[in-house]
Amino acid sequence: MNFKKLGFALAGMLMYGAASHANAALVDLELSLVIDVSGSVSTAEYTLQMDGYANAFRDTSVQQNIAASTNGIAVNVVFFASSYYSTALDAFTILTSAAQANAYADLLDNFSRPGGGGTAIYAGINRAVDLLLNNGLDATVGTVIDVSGDGTSNSSSTAASRDAAVAQGFTINGLPIGSTSLATFYNDYVIGGPGAFVQPASSFTDFETAVINKISAETSVVTPPSTASAPGALSLLLVSGAFMFLRLRKRK
């Protein structure tokens, strides 16, 4: 084996990884809101959902969390029914102030329903993962997929999507709307990852309180990252190690 070539290849890959990380825009938290618009959600219930999300971003505790963040919070919305819908809300918006949070709330409040159909929670999760992996952002604290809905979907497909998201280092939290059996389904097949939790709402009328509590908890984690744990520092350490390996190999 040519250890010299191997060492240079390793160093090159590490430097490429460090450069890729440097090119990503840093935010504290990436938050993807995955919202059920299936046929079981009436027009009035859709309005209650969107009003709830809008008022969550108008909530004082959420706005204080956003303002206290170092790099801001990136948020987007994925709508799903039988499949996902592609809308203008797919794009991530970075919020750093109460004024920006209020503007995003107004956008959610007035957003037209994109469609309806069956319920495929996994389609929403898969779409959220794809958008998170290709948004040009890097979260210093965490990445959260926030699923809300009033129905179940195929358990094996849902669990597989959950597991794939968790394997990417993402956390999925759930907001089931309705019975305790739906909350059990979310616990068993939807949520996963570090700190994952279910925040149930007994009905769409109670949705606003639940979603405010949920997003307040999710955004409360944004604290300045430790310099010692920064990925860039780790990359530099590994690159240094690679070159040290080459020097020792040359001496031998």
C-alpha atoms as a PDB file:
ATOM      1  CA  MET A   1       0.000   0.000   0.000  1.00  0.00           C
ATOM      2  CA  ASN A   2       1.296   3.466  -0.871  1.00  0.00           C
ATOM      3  CA  PHE A   3       0.935   5.217   2.502  1.00  0.00           C
ATOM      4  CA  LYS A   4       2.126   8.540   1.114  1.00  0.00           C
ATOM      5  CA  LYS A   5      -0.660   8.649  -1.480  1.00  0.00           C
ATOM      6  CA  LEU A   6      -3.171   7.464   1.105  1.00  0.00           C
ATOM      7  CA  GLY A   7      -2.115  10.229   3.474  1.00  0.00           C
ATOM      8  CA  PHE A   8      -2.429  12.941   0.819  1.00  0.00           C
ATOM      9  CA  ALA A   9      -5.817  11.579  -0.239  1.00  0.00           C
ATOM     10  CA  LEU A  10      -7.037  11.644   3.356  1.00  0.00           C
ATOM     11  CA  ALA A  11      -5.783  15.192   3.841  1.00  0.00           C
ATOM     12  CA  GLY A  12      -7.458  16.280   0.613  1.00  0.00           C
ATOM     13  CA  MET A  13     -10.799  14.806   1.605  1.00  0.00           C
ATOM     14  CA  LEU A  14     -10.643  16.438   5.017  1.00  0.00           C
ATOM     15  CA  MET A  15      -9.774  19.835   3.564  1.00  0.00           C
ATOM     16  CA  TYR A  16     -12.629  19.461   1.038  1.00  0.00           C
ATOM     17  CA  GLY A  17     -15.010  18.662   3.884  1.00  0.00           C
ATOM     18  CA  ALA A  18     -13.786  21.679   5.839  1.00  0.00           C
ATOM     19  CA  ALA A  19     -14.260  23.914   2.787  1.00  0.00           C
ATOM     20  CA  SER A  20     -17.781  22.568   2.192  1.00  0.00           C
ATOM     21  CA  HIS A  21     -18.678  23.296   5.802  1.00  0.00           C
ATOM     22  CA  ALA A  22     -17.223  26.796   5.516  1.00  0.00           C
ATOM     23  CA  ASN A  23     -19.378  27.510   2.448  1.00  0.00           C
ATOM     24  CA  ALA A  24     -22.616  26.676   4.311  1.00  0.00           C
ATOM     25  CA  ALA A  25     -24.491  29.518   6.001  1.00  0.00           C
ATOM     26  CA  LEU A  26     -24.609  28.969   9.762  1.00  0.00           C
ATOM     27  CA  VAL A  27     -27.848  29.075  11.748  1.00  0.00           C
ATOM     28  CA  ASP A  28     -28.491  27.892  15.281  1.00  0.00           C
ATOM     29  CA  LEU A  29     -31.532  25.767  14.477  1.00  0.00           C
ATOM     30  CA  GLU A  30     -33.145  24.378  11.322  1.00  0.00           C
ATOM     31  CA  LEU A  31     -36.877  23.824  11.844  1.00  0.00           C
ATOM     32  CA  SER A  32     -39.034  22.150   9.188  1.00  0.00           C
ATOM     33  CA  LEU A  33     -42.796  22.310   9.852  1.00  0.00           C
ATOM     34  CA  VAL A  34     -44.503  19.313   8.213  1.00  0.00           C
ATOM     35  CA  ILE A  35     -48.249  20.006   8.029  1.00  0.00           C
ATOM     36  CA  ASP A  36     -51.119  17.624   7.240  1.00  0.00           C
ATOM     37  CA  VAL A  37     -53.552  18.903   4.578  1.00  0.00           C
ATOM     38  CA  SER A  38     -55.248  15.541   3.896  1.00  0.00           C
ATOM     39  CA  GLY A  39     -58.968  15.242   3.191  1.00  0.00           C
ATOM     40  CA  SER A  40     -59.815  14.679   6.859  1.00  0.00           C
ATOM     41  CA  VAL A  41     -58.663  18.236   7.571  1.00  0.00           C
ATOM     42  CA  SER A  42     -61.569  20.565   6.784  1.00  0.00           C
ATOM     43  CA  THR A  43     -61.105  24.093   5.453  1.00  0.00           C
ATOM     44  CA  ALA A  44     -61.889  25.490   8.896  1.00  0.00           C
ATOM     45  CA  GLU A  45     -59.407  23.081  10.519  1.00  0.00           C
ATOM     46  CA  TYR A  46     -56.708  24.037   8.008  1.00  0.00           C
ATOM     47  CA  THR A  47     -57.268  27.670   8.994  1.00  0.00           C
ATOM     48  CA  LEU A  48     -56.967  26.770  12.688  1.00  0.00           C
ATOM     49  CA  GLN A  49     -53.679  24.972  11.980  1.00  0.00           C
ATOM     50  CA  MET A  50     -52.154  27.863  10.053  1.00  0.00           C
ATOM     51  CA  ASP A  51     -53.428  30.416  12.583  1.00  0.00           C
ATOM     52  CA  GLY A  52     -51.822  28.311  15.316  1.00  0.00           C
ATOM     53  CA  TYR A  53     -48.450  28.220  13.577  1.00  0.00           C
ATOM     54  CA  ALA A  54     -48.667  31.951  12.823  1.00  0.00           C
ATOM     55  CA  ASN A  55     -49.457  32.824  16.427  1.00  0.00           C
ATOM     56  CA  ALA A  56     -46.606  30.613  17.610  1.00  0.00           C
ATOM     57  CA  PHE A  57     -44.180  32.918  15.779  1.00  0.00           C
ATOM     58  CA  ARG A  58     -45.955  35.916  17.317  1.00  0.00           C
ATOM     59  CA  ASP A  59     -45.583  34.419  20.801  1.00  0.00           C
ATOM     60  CA  THR A  60     -43.316  36.379  23.149  1.00  0.00           C
ATOM     61  CA  SER A  61     -41.330  33.339  24.343  1.00  0.00           C
ATOM     62  CA  VAL A  62     -40.647  32.157  20.781  1.00  0.00           C
ATOM     63  CA  GLN A  63     -39.597  35.648  19.693  1.00  0.00           C
ATOM     64  CA  GLN A  64     -37.304  35.961  22.702  1.00  0.00           C
ATOM     65  CA  ASN A  65     -35.670  32.648  21.797  1.00  0.00           C
ATOM     66  CA  ILE A  66     -35.168  33.807  18.219  1.00  0.00           C
ATOM     67  CA  ALA A  67     -33.696  37.151  19.297  1.00  0.00           C
ATOM     68  CA  ALA A  68     -31.338  35.384  21.745  1.00  0.00           C
ATOM     69  CA  SER A  69     -29.942  33.075  19.063  1.00  0.00           C
ATOM     70  CA  THR A  70     -26.435  33.666  17.759  1.00  0.00           C
ATOM     71  CA  ASN A  71     -27.057  32.912  14.077  1.00  0.00           C
ATOM     72  CA  GLY A  72     -30.844  32.877  13.858  1.00  0.00           C
ATOM     73  CA  ILE A  73     -33.373  30.132  13.209  1.00  0.00           C
ATOM     74  CA  ALA A  74     -34.119  28.787   9.723  1.00  0.00           C
ATOM     75  CA  VAL A  75     -37.712  27.637   9.179  1.00  0.00           C
ATOM     76  CA  ASN A  76     -39.730  26.209   6.293  1.00  0.00           C
ATOM     77  CA  VAL A  77     -43.063  24.450   5.736  1.00  0.00           C
ATOM     78  CA  VAL A  78     -43.804  21.154   3.972  1.00  0.00           C
ATOM     79  CA  PHE A  79     -47.432  20.287   3.227  1.00  0.00           C
ATOM     80  CA  PHE A  80     -48.435  16.649   2.767  1.00  0.00           C
ATOM     81  CA  ALA A  81     -51.476  14.528   1.998  1.00  0.00           C
ATOM     82  CA  SER A  82     -51.159  11.410  -0.218  1.00  0.00           C
ATOM     83  CA  SER A  83     -47.829  12.924  -1.267  1.00  0.00           C
ATOM     84  CA  TYR A  84     -46.056  16.190  -0.555  1.00  0.00           C
ATOM     85  CA  TYR A  85     -46.915  19.504  -2.180  1.00  0.00           C
ATOM     86  CA  SER A  86     -44.186  21.796  -3.471  1.00  0.00           C
ATOM     87  CA  THR A  87     -44.915  25.414  -2.527  1.00  0.00           C
ATOM     88  CA  ALA A  88     -43.132  28.718  -1.962  1.00  0.00           C
ATOM     89  CA  LEU A  89     -42.822  27.771   1.720  1.00  0.00           C
ATOM     90  CA  ASP A  90     -40.372  24.972   0.825  1.00  0.00           C
ATOM     91  CA  ALA A  91     -37.627  27.613   0.911  1.00  0.00           C
ATOM     92  CA  PHE A  92     -36.027  28.284   4.283  1.00  0.00           C
ATOM     93  CA  THR A  93     -36.392  31.711   5.885  1.00  0.00           C
ATOM     94  CA  ILE A  94     -33.850  32.794   8.489  1.00  0.00           C
ATOM     95  CA  LEU A  95     -35.378  34.599  11.467  1.00  0.00           C
ATOM     96  CA  THR A  96     -33.204  36.677  13.784  1.00  0.00           C
ATOM     97  CA  SER A  97     -35.658  39.199  15.273  1.00  0.00           C
ATOM     98  CA  ALA A  98     -39.224  39.673  16.470  1.00  0.00           C
ATOM     99  CA  ALA A  99     -39.989  41.760  13.378  1.00  0.00           C
ATOM    100  CA  GLN A 100     -38.906  38.929  11.075  1.00  0.00           C
ATOM    101  CA  ALA A 101     -40.903  36.420  13.135  1.00  0.00           C
ATOM    102  CA  ASN A 102     -43.997  38.626  12.800  1.00  0.00           C
ATOM    103  CA  ALA A 103     -43.518  38.874   9.042  1.00  0.00           C
ATOM    104  CA  TYR A 104     -43.233  35.080   8.793  1.00  0.00           C
ATOM    105  CA  ALA A 105     -46.377  34.731  10.920  1.00  0.00           C
ATOM    106  CA  ASP A 106     -48.267  36.956   8.469  1.00  0.00           C
ATOM    107  CA  LEU A 107     -47.042  34.776   5.596  1.00  0.00           C
ATOM    108  CA  LEU A 108     -48.358  31.616   7.284  1.00  0.00           C
ATOM    109  CA  ASP A 109     -51.646  33.266   8.233  1.00  0.00           C
ATOM    110  CA  ASN A 110     -52.488  34.058   4.627  1.00  0.00           C
ATOM    111  CA  PHE A 111     -51.106  31.002   2.846  1.00  0.00           C
ATOM    112  CA  SER A 112     -53.614  29.183   0.629  1.00  0.00           C
ATOM    113  CA  ARG A 113     -54.167  25.479   1.111  1.00  0.00           C
ATOM    114  CA  PRO A 114     -52.223  23.607  -1.595  1.00  0.00           C
ATOM    115  CA  GLY A 115     -54.521  20.551  -1.902  1.00  0.00           C
ATOM    116  CA  GLY A 116     -55.878  17.461  -0.163  1.00  0.00           C
ATOM    117  CA  GLY A 117     -55.995  13.670  -0.429  1.00  0.00           C
ATOM    118  CA  GLY A 118     -54.987  10.706   1.720  1.00  0.00           C
ATOM    119  CA  THR A 119     -52.536  10.706   4.612  1.00  0.00           C
ATOM    120  CA  ALA A 120     -48.865   9.827   4.024  1.00  0.00           C
ATOM    121  CA  ILE A 121     -46.818  11.169   6.918  1.00  0.00           C
ATOM    122  CA  TYR A 122     -43.726   9.531   5.451  1.00  0.00           C
ATOM    123  CA  ALA A 123     -44.066  11.610   2.266  1.00  0.00           C
ATOM    124  CA  GLY A 124     -43.888  14.771   4.345  1.00  0.00           C
ATOM    125  CA  ILE A 125     -40.900  13.524   6.343  1.00  0.00           C
ATOM    126  CA  ASN A 126     -39.030  12.437   3.200  1.00  0.00           C
ATOM    127  CA  ARG A 127     -39.607  15.820   1.581  1.00  0.00           C
ATOM    128  CA  ALA A 128     -38.426  17.648   4.695  1.00  0.00           C
ATOM    129  CA  VAL A 129     -35.234  15.576   4.809  1.00  0.00           C
ATOM    130  CA  ASP A 130     -34.505  16.259   1.140  1.00  0.00           C
ATOM    131  CA  LEU A 131     -34.962  20.014   1.590  1.00  0.00           C
ATOM    132  CA  LEU A 132     -32.870  20.068   4.774  1.00  0.00           C
ATOM    133  CA  LEU A 133     -29.989  18.258   3.085  1.00  0.00           C
ATOM    134  CA  ASN A 134     -29.966  20.676   0.155  1.00  0.00           C
ATOM    135  CA  ASN A 135     -30.699  24.075   1.701  1.00  0.00           C
ATOM    136  CA  GLY A 136     -27.124  25.388   1.913  1.00  0.00           C
ATOM    137  CA  LEU A 137     -27.422  25.787   5.683  1.00  0.00           C
ATOM    138  CA  ASP A 138     -25.604  24.253   8.635  1.00  0.00           C
ATOM    139  CA  ALA A 139     -27.163  24.205  12.119  1.00  0.00           C
ATOM    140  CA  THR A 140     -24.849  24.701  15.086  1.00  0.00           C
ATOM    141  CA  VAL A 141     -27.373  23.428  17.658  1.00  0.00           C
ATOM    142  CA  GLY A 142     -29.815  21.069  15.941  1.00  0.00           C
ATOM    143  CA  THR A 143     -32.175  20.195  13.119  1.00  0.00           C
ATOM    144  CA  VAL A 144     -35.825  19.486  13.897  1.00  0.00           C
ATOM    145  CA  ILE A 145     -38.660  18.134  11.748  1.00  0.00           C
ATOM    146  CA  ASP A 146     -41.982  19.101  13.314  1.00  0.00           C
ATOM    147  CA  VAL A 147     -44.896  16.899  12.139  1.00  0.00           C
ATOM    148  CA  SER A 148     -48.548  17.765  12.834  1.00  0.00           C
ATOM    149  CA  GLY A 149     -51.658  15.939  11.656  1.00  0.00           C
ATOM    150  CA  ASP A 150     -54.940  14.248  12.495  1.00  0.00           C
ATOM    151  CA  GLY A 151     -54.371  10.776  11.033  1.00  0.00           C
ATOM    152  CA  THR A 152     -52.080   7.768  10.740  1.00  0.00           C
ATOM    153  CA  SER A 153     -50.286   6.365   7.714  1.00  0.00           C
ATOM    154  CA  ASN A 154     -48.602   3.075   6.809  1.00  0.00           C
ATOM    155  CA  SER A 155     -46.624   2.220   9.933  1.00  0.00           C
ATOM    156  CA  SER A 156     -43.649   0.525   8.252  1.00  0.00           C
ATOM    157  CA  SER A 157     -43.204   3.308   5.675  1.00  0.00           C
ATOM    158  CA  THR A 158     -43.553   5.966   8.365  1.00  0.00           C
ATOM    159  CA  ALA A 159     -41.032   4.263  10.653  1.00  0.00           C
ATOM    160  CA  ALA A 160     -38.578   3.803   7.758  1.00  0.00           C
ATOM    161  CA  SER A 161     -38.758   7.530   6.937  1.00  0.00           C
ATOM    162  CA  ARG A 162     -38.334   8.378  10.612  1.00  0.00           C
ATOM    163  CA  ASP A 163     -35.289   6.123  10.892  1.00  0.00           C
ATOM    164  CA  ALA A 164     -33.698   7.611   7.749  1.00  0.00           C
ATOM    165  CA  ALA A 165     -34.142  11.129   9.139  1.00  0.00           C
ATOM    166  CA  VAL A 166     -32.682  10.156  12.512  1.00  0.00           C
ATOM    167  CA  ALA A 167     -29.705   8.546  10.729  1.00  0.00           C
ATOM    168  CA  GLN A 168     -28.965  11.994   9.269  1.00  0.00           C
ATOM    169  CA  GLY A 169     -28.813  13.405  12.804  1.00  0.00           C
ATOM    170  CA  PHE A 170     -32.262  15.017  12.689  1.00  0.00           C
ATOM    171  CA  THR A 171     -34.868  15.026  15.456  1.00  0.00           C
ATOM    172  CA  ILE A 172     -38.562  14.494  14.657  1.00  0.00           C
ATOM    173  CA  ASN A 173     -41.180  15.819  17.064  1.00  0.00           C
ATOM    174  CA  GLY A 174     -44.914  15.238  16.695  1.00  0.00           C
ATOM    175  CA  LEU A 175     -48.152  17.111  17.249  1.00  0.00           C
ATOM    176  CA  PRO A 176     -51.015  14.610  16.836  1.00  0.00           C
ATOM    177  CA  ILE A 177     -54.464  16.187  16.742  1.00  0.00           C
ATOM    178  CA  GLY A 178     -57.177  13.967  18.220  1.00  0.00           C
ATOM    179  CA  SER A 179     -57.349  10.708  20.114  1.00  0.00           C
ATOM    180  CA  THR A 180     -54.837   9.125  22.462  1.00  0.00           C
ATOM    181  CA  SER A 181     -54.445   6.269  19.961  1.00  0.00           C
ATOM    182  CA  LEU A 182     -53.101   8.779  17.433  1.00  0.00           C
ATOM    183  CA  ALA A 183     -50.634  10.032  20.024  1.00  0.00           C
ATOM    184  CA  THR A 184     -49.533   6.417  20.503  1.00  0.00           C
ATOM    185  CA  PHE A 185     -48.988   6.059  16.745  1.00  0.00           C
ATOM    186  CA  TYR A 186     -46.836   9.198  16.736  1.00  0.00           C
ATOM    187  CA  ASN A 187     -44.848   7.895  19.696  1.00  0.00           C
ATOM    188  CA  ASP A 188     -44.265   4.532  18.047  1.00  0.00           C
ATOM    189  CA  TYR A 189     -43.701   5.449  14.395  1.00  0.00           C
ATOM    190  CA  VAL A 190     -43.194   9.194  13.888  1.00  0.00           C
ATOM    191  CA  ILE A 191     -40.939  10.772  16.498  1.00  0.00           C
ATOM    192  CA  GLY A 192     -37.258   9.980  16.894  1.00  0.00           C
ATOM    193  CA  GLY A 193     -33.802  11.390  17.484  1.00  0.00           C
ATOM    194  CA  PRO A 194     -32.226  13.324  20.366  1.00  0.00           C
ATOM    195  CA  GLY A 195     -34.812  14.865  22.690  1.00  0.00           C
ATOM    196  CA  ALA A 196     -37.789  13.827  20.530  1.00  0.00           C
ATOM    197  CA  PHE A 197     -41.218  14.398  22.060  1.00  0.00           C
ATOM    198  CA  VAL A 198     -44.952  14.383  21.324  1.00  0.00           C
ATOM    199  CA  GLN A 199     -47.083  17.436  22.121  1.00  0.00           C
ATOM    200  CA  PRO A 200     -50.694  16.287  21.607  1.00  0.00           C
ATOM    201  CA  ALA A 201     -53.738  18.472  20.928  1.00  0.00           C
ATOM    202  CA  SER A 202     -57.127  17.000  21.753  1.00  0.00           C
ATOM    203  CA  SER A 203     -58.749  18.905  18.864  1.00  0.00           C
ATOM    204  CA  PHE A 204     -58.048  21.581  16.258  1.00  0.00           C
ATOM    205  CA  THR A 205     -59.523  24.098  18.712  1.00  0.00           C
ATOM    206  CA  ASP A 206     -56.703  23.243  21.141  1.00  0.00           C
ATOM    207  CA  PHE A 207     -54.070  23.198  18.396  1.00  0.00           C
ATOM    208  CA  GLU A 208     -52.830  26.754  18.891  1.00  0.00           C
ATOM    209  CA  THR A 209     -51.895  26.260  22.536  1.00  0.00           C
ATOM    210  CA  ALA A 210     -50.137  22.986  21.724  1.00  0.00           C
ATOM    211  CA  VAL A 211     -48.129  24.370  18.799  1.00  0.00           C
ATOM    212  CA  ILE A 212     -47.054  27.468  20.756  1.00  0.00           C
ATOM    213  CA  ASN A 213     -45.782  25.228  23.572  1.00  0.00           C
ATOM    214  CA  LYS A 214     -44.059  22.969  21.050  1.00  0.00           C
ATOM    215  CA  ILE A 215     -42.232  25.643  19.053  1.00  0.00           C
ATOM    216  CA  SER A 216     -41.327  27.484  22.255  1.00  0.00           C
ATOM    217  CA  ALA A 217     -39.665  24.294  23.532  1.00  0.00           C
ATOM    218  CA  GLU A 218     -37.943  23.609  20.206  1.00  0.00           C
ATOM    219  CA  THR A 219     -36.502  27.119  19.907  1.00  0.00           C
ATOM    220  CA  SER A 220     -35.418  27.278  23.551  1.00  0.00           C
ATOM    221  CA  VAL A 221     -32.354  25.157  22.753  1.00  0.00           C
ATOM    222  CA  VAL A 222     -30.584  27.890  20.773  1.00  0.00           C
ATOM    223  CA  THR A 223     -27.493  28.828  22.772  1.00  0.00           C
ATOM    224  CA  PRO A 224     -24.053  29.967  21.563  1.00  0.00           C
ATOM    225  CA  PRO A 225     -22.031  26.899  20.476  1.00  0.00           C
ATOM    226  CA  SER A 226     -18.733  26.030  22.117  1.00  0.00           C
ATOM    227  CA  THR A 227     -15.713  26.934  20.002  1.00  0.00           C
ATOM    228  CA  ALA A 228     -14.010  23.708  21.075  1.00  0.00           C
ATOM    229  CA  SER A 229     -16.790  21.619  19.564  1.00  0.00           C
ATOM    230  CA  ALA A 230     -17.022  23.515  16.258  1.00  0.00           C
ATOM    231  CA  PRO A 231     -16.839  21.199  13.200  1.00  0.00           C
ATOM    232  CA  GLY A 232     -14.230  23.481  11.621  1.00  0.00           C
ATOM    233  CA  ALA A 233     -11.879  22.959  14.562  1.00  0.00           C
ATOM    234  CA  LEU A 234     -12.318  19.198  14.302  1.00  0.00           C
ATOM    235  CA  SER A 235     -11.544  19.274  10.572  1.00  0.00           C
ATOM    236  CA  LEU A 236      -8.326  21.235  11.159  1.00  0.00           C
ATOM    237  CA  LEU A 237      -7.280  18.765  13.849  1.00  0.00           C
ATOM    238  CA  LEU A 238      -7.816  15.823  11.490  1.00  0.00           C
ATOM    239  CA  VAL A 239      -5.915  17.527   8.667  1.00  0.00           C
ATOM    240  CA  SER A 240      -3.017  18.181  11.026  1.00  0.00           C
ATOM    241  CA  GLY A 241      -3.102  14.544  12.042  1.00  0.00           C
ATOM    242  CA  ALA A 242      -2.926  13.430   8.419  1.00  0.00           C
ATOM    243  CA  PHE A 243       0.187  15.502   7.737  1.00  0.00           C
ATOM    244  CA  MET A 244       1.805  14.290  10.970  1.00  0.00           C
ATOM    245  CA  PHE A 245       1.189  10.738   9.768  1.00  0.00           C
ATOM    246  CA  LEU A 246       3.019  11.523   6.507  1.00  0.00           C
ATOM    247  CA  ARG A 247       6.006  13.010   8.344  1.00  0.00           C
ATOM    248  CA  LEU A 248       6.316   9.988  10.628  1.00  0.00           C
ATOM    249  CA  ARG A 249       5.984   7.643   7.645  1.00  0.00           C
ATOM    250  CA  LYS A 250       8.731   9.511   5.783  1.00  0.00           C
ATOM    251  CA  ARG A 251      11.105   9.229   8.770  1.00  0.00           C
ATOM    252  CA  LYS A 252      10.564   5.477   8.896  1.00  0.00           C
END
